[in-house]
Amino acid sequence: MKLELEKVNSKKQLEAQGYCRIDLNKGYWDYDFGKYVLVADKNIFFKVSGDIFGATPVNTFKEALNIYNNGIYKIN
């Protein structure tokens, strides 16, 4: 089920909605690329190029915001 949320323009707005957060890609996360990781909370996921993810590396906040604004989904 796609969640109908207001579009966000900043990391602060994204995290205030309570569905996702943006972490640094170090320590717990260790992807081969990307400075940041867009992370969805429990039972939430997003689509990137048709694939479904609960976390994905991104290079910029703008990239993370774009993924978030294109739709996040809740598992029923």
C-alpha atoms as a PDB file:
ATOM      1  CA  MET A   1       0.000   0.000   0.000  1.00  0.00           C
ATOM      2  CA  LYS A   2       1.525   3.310  -1.080  1.00  0.00           C
ATOM      3  CA  LEU A   3       1.557   5.944   1.642  1.00  0.00           C
ATOM      4  CA  GLU A   4       0.258   9.370   0.669  1.00  0.00           C
ATOM      5  CA  LEU A   5       2.713  11.780   2.267  1.00  0.00           C
ATOM      6  CA  GLU A   6       3.667  15.404   1.760  1.00  0.00           C
ATOM      7  CA  LYS A   7       6.749  15.890  -0.384  1.00  0.00           C
ATOM      8  CA  VAL A   8       9.854  16.701   1.640  1.00  0.00           C
ATOM      9  CA  ASN A   9      12.680  19.120   0.859  1.00  0.00           C
ATOM     10  CA  SER A  10      15.141  18.322   3.638  1.00  0.00           C
ATOM     11  CA  LYS A  11      16.524  15.524   5.768  1.00  0.00           C
ATOM     12  CA  LYS A  12      14.788  17.086   8.783  1.00  0.00           C
ATOM     13  CA  GLN A  13      11.367  16.978   7.073  1.00  0.00           C
ATOM     14  CA  LEU A  14      11.929  13.400   5.895  1.00  0.00           C
ATOM     15  CA  GLU A  15      12.855  12.156   9.352  1.00  0.00           C
ATOM     16  CA  ALA A  16      10.027  14.138  11.019  1.00  0.00           C
ATOM     17  CA  GLN A  17       7.472  12.074   9.078  1.00  0.00           C
ATOM     18  CA  GLY A  18       8.775   9.031  10.950  1.00  0.00           C
ATOM     19  CA  TYR A  19       9.034   6.478   8.137  1.00  0.00           C
ATOM     20  CA  CYS A  20      12.658   6.742   7.032  1.00  0.00           C
ATOM     21  CA  ARG A  21      15.976   8.198   8.076  1.00  0.00           C
ATOM     22  CA  ILE A  22      19.283   9.012   6.402  1.00  0.00           C
ATOM     23  CA  ASP A  23      22.421   7.509   7.970  1.00  0.00           C
ATOM     24  CA  LEU A  24      26.091   7.844   7.115  1.00  0.00           C
ATOM     25  CA  ASN A  25      27.416   4.874   5.140  1.00  0.00           C
ATOM     26  CA  LYS A  26      29.959   3.752   7.711  1.00  0.00           C
ATOM     27  CA  GLY A  27      30.037   1.636  10.825  1.00  0.00           C
ATOM     28  CA  TYR A  28      26.805  -0.389  10.792  1.00  0.00           C
ATOM     29  CA  TRP A  29      26.298   0.241   7.066  1.00  0.00           C
ATOM     30  CA  ASP A  30      29.142  -0.757   4.816  1.00  0.00           C
ATOM     31  CA  TYR A  31      27.995  -0.453   1.211  1.00  0.00           C
ATOM     32  CA  ASP A  32      30.706  -0.234  -1.464  1.00  0.00           C
ATOM     33  CA  PHE A  33      29.426   3.146  -2.651  1.00  0.00           C
ATOM     34  CA  GLY A  34      27.419   6.110  -1.467  1.00  0.00           C
ATOM     35  CA  LYS A  35      28.113   8.574   1.317  1.00  0.00           C
ATOM     36  CA  TYR A  36      24.681   8.039   2.914  1.00  0.00           C
ATOM     37  CA  VAL A  37      22.091   5.290   3.330  1.00  0.00           C
ATOM     38  CA  LEU A  38      18.327   5.839   3.090  1.00  0.00           C
ATOM     39  CA  VAL A  39      16.808   3.512   5.692  1.00  0.00           C
ATOM     40  CA  ALA A  40      13.118   2.625   6.048  1.00  0.00           C
ATOM     41  CA  ASP A  41      11.570   1.730   9.406  1.00  0.00           C
ATOM     42  CA  LYS A  42       9.832  -1.610  10.095  1.00  0.00           C
ATOM     43  CA  ASN A  43       7.162  -2.633   7.586  1.00  0.00           C
ATOM     44  CA  ILE A  44       8.118   0.217   5.227  1.00  0.00           C
ATOM     45  CA  PHE A  45       9.922  -0.066   1.897  1.00  0.00           C
ATOM     46  CA  PHE A  46      10.618   1.982  -1.212  1.00  0.00           C
ATOM     47  CA  LYS A  47      11.236   1.210  -4.857  1.00  0.00           C
ATOM     48  CA  VAL A  48      14.395   2.059  -6.776  1.00  0.00           C
ATOM     49  CA  SER A  49      14.347   1.243 -10.498  1.00  0.00           C
ATOM     50  CA  GLY A  50      11.537  -1.246  -9.886  1.00  0.00           C
ATOM     51  CA  ASP A  51      13.380  -3.092  -7.108  1.00  0.00           C
ATOM     52  CA  ILE A  52      12.145  -3.067  -3.511  1.00  0.00           C
ATOM     53  CA  PHE A  53      14.454  -2.004  -0.684  1.00  0.00           C
ATOM     54  CA  GLY A  54      14.384  -1.280   3.030  1.00  0.00           C
ATOM     55  CA  ALA A  55      17.781   0.441   2.800  1.00  0.00           C
ATOM     56  CA  THR A  56      19.813   1.739  -0.131  1.00  0.00           C
ATOM     57  CA  PRO A  57      23.068   3.692  -0.471  1.00  0.00           C
ATOM     58  CA  VAL A  58      22.892   7.185  -1.981  1.00  0.00           C
ATOM     59  CA  ASN A  59      25.510   9.801  -2.785  1.00  0.00           C
ATOM     60  CA  THR A  60      23.566  12.900  -1.721  1.00  0.00           C
ATOM     61  CA  PHE A  61      20.642  13.980   0.428  1.00  0.00           C
ATOM     62  CA  LYS A  62      18.935  15.121  -2.788  1.00  0.00           C
ATOM     63  CA  GLU A  63      19.077  11.566  -4.144  1.00  0.00           C
ATOM     64  CA  ALA A  64      17.580  10.191  -0.906  1.00  0.00           C
ATOM     65  CA  LEU A  65      14.813  12.807  -0.927  1.00  0.00           C
ATOM     66  CA  ASN A  66      13.980  11.959  -4.543  1.00  0.00           C
ATOM     67  CA  ILE A  67      13.611   8.249  -3.732  1.00  0.00           C
ATOM     68  CA  TYR A  68      11.451   9.075  -0.705  1.00  0.00           C
ATOM     69  CA  ASN A  69       9.258  11.534  -2.614  1.00  0.00           C
ATOM     70  CA  ASN A  70       8.652   9.009  -5.393  1.00  0.00           C
ATOM     71  CA  GLY A  71       6.796   6.806  -2.965  1.00  0.00           C
ATOM     72  CA  ILE A  72       7.187   4.679   0.086  1.00  0.00           C
ATOM     73  CA  TYR A  73       5.031   1.678   0.805  1.00  0.00           C
ATOM     74  CA  LYS A  74       3.739  -0.062   3.886  1.00  0.00           C
ATOM     75  CA  ILE A  75       3.519  -3.830   4.159  1.00  0.00           C
ATOM     76  CA  ASN A  76      -0.026  -4.776   5.164  1.00  0.00           C
END
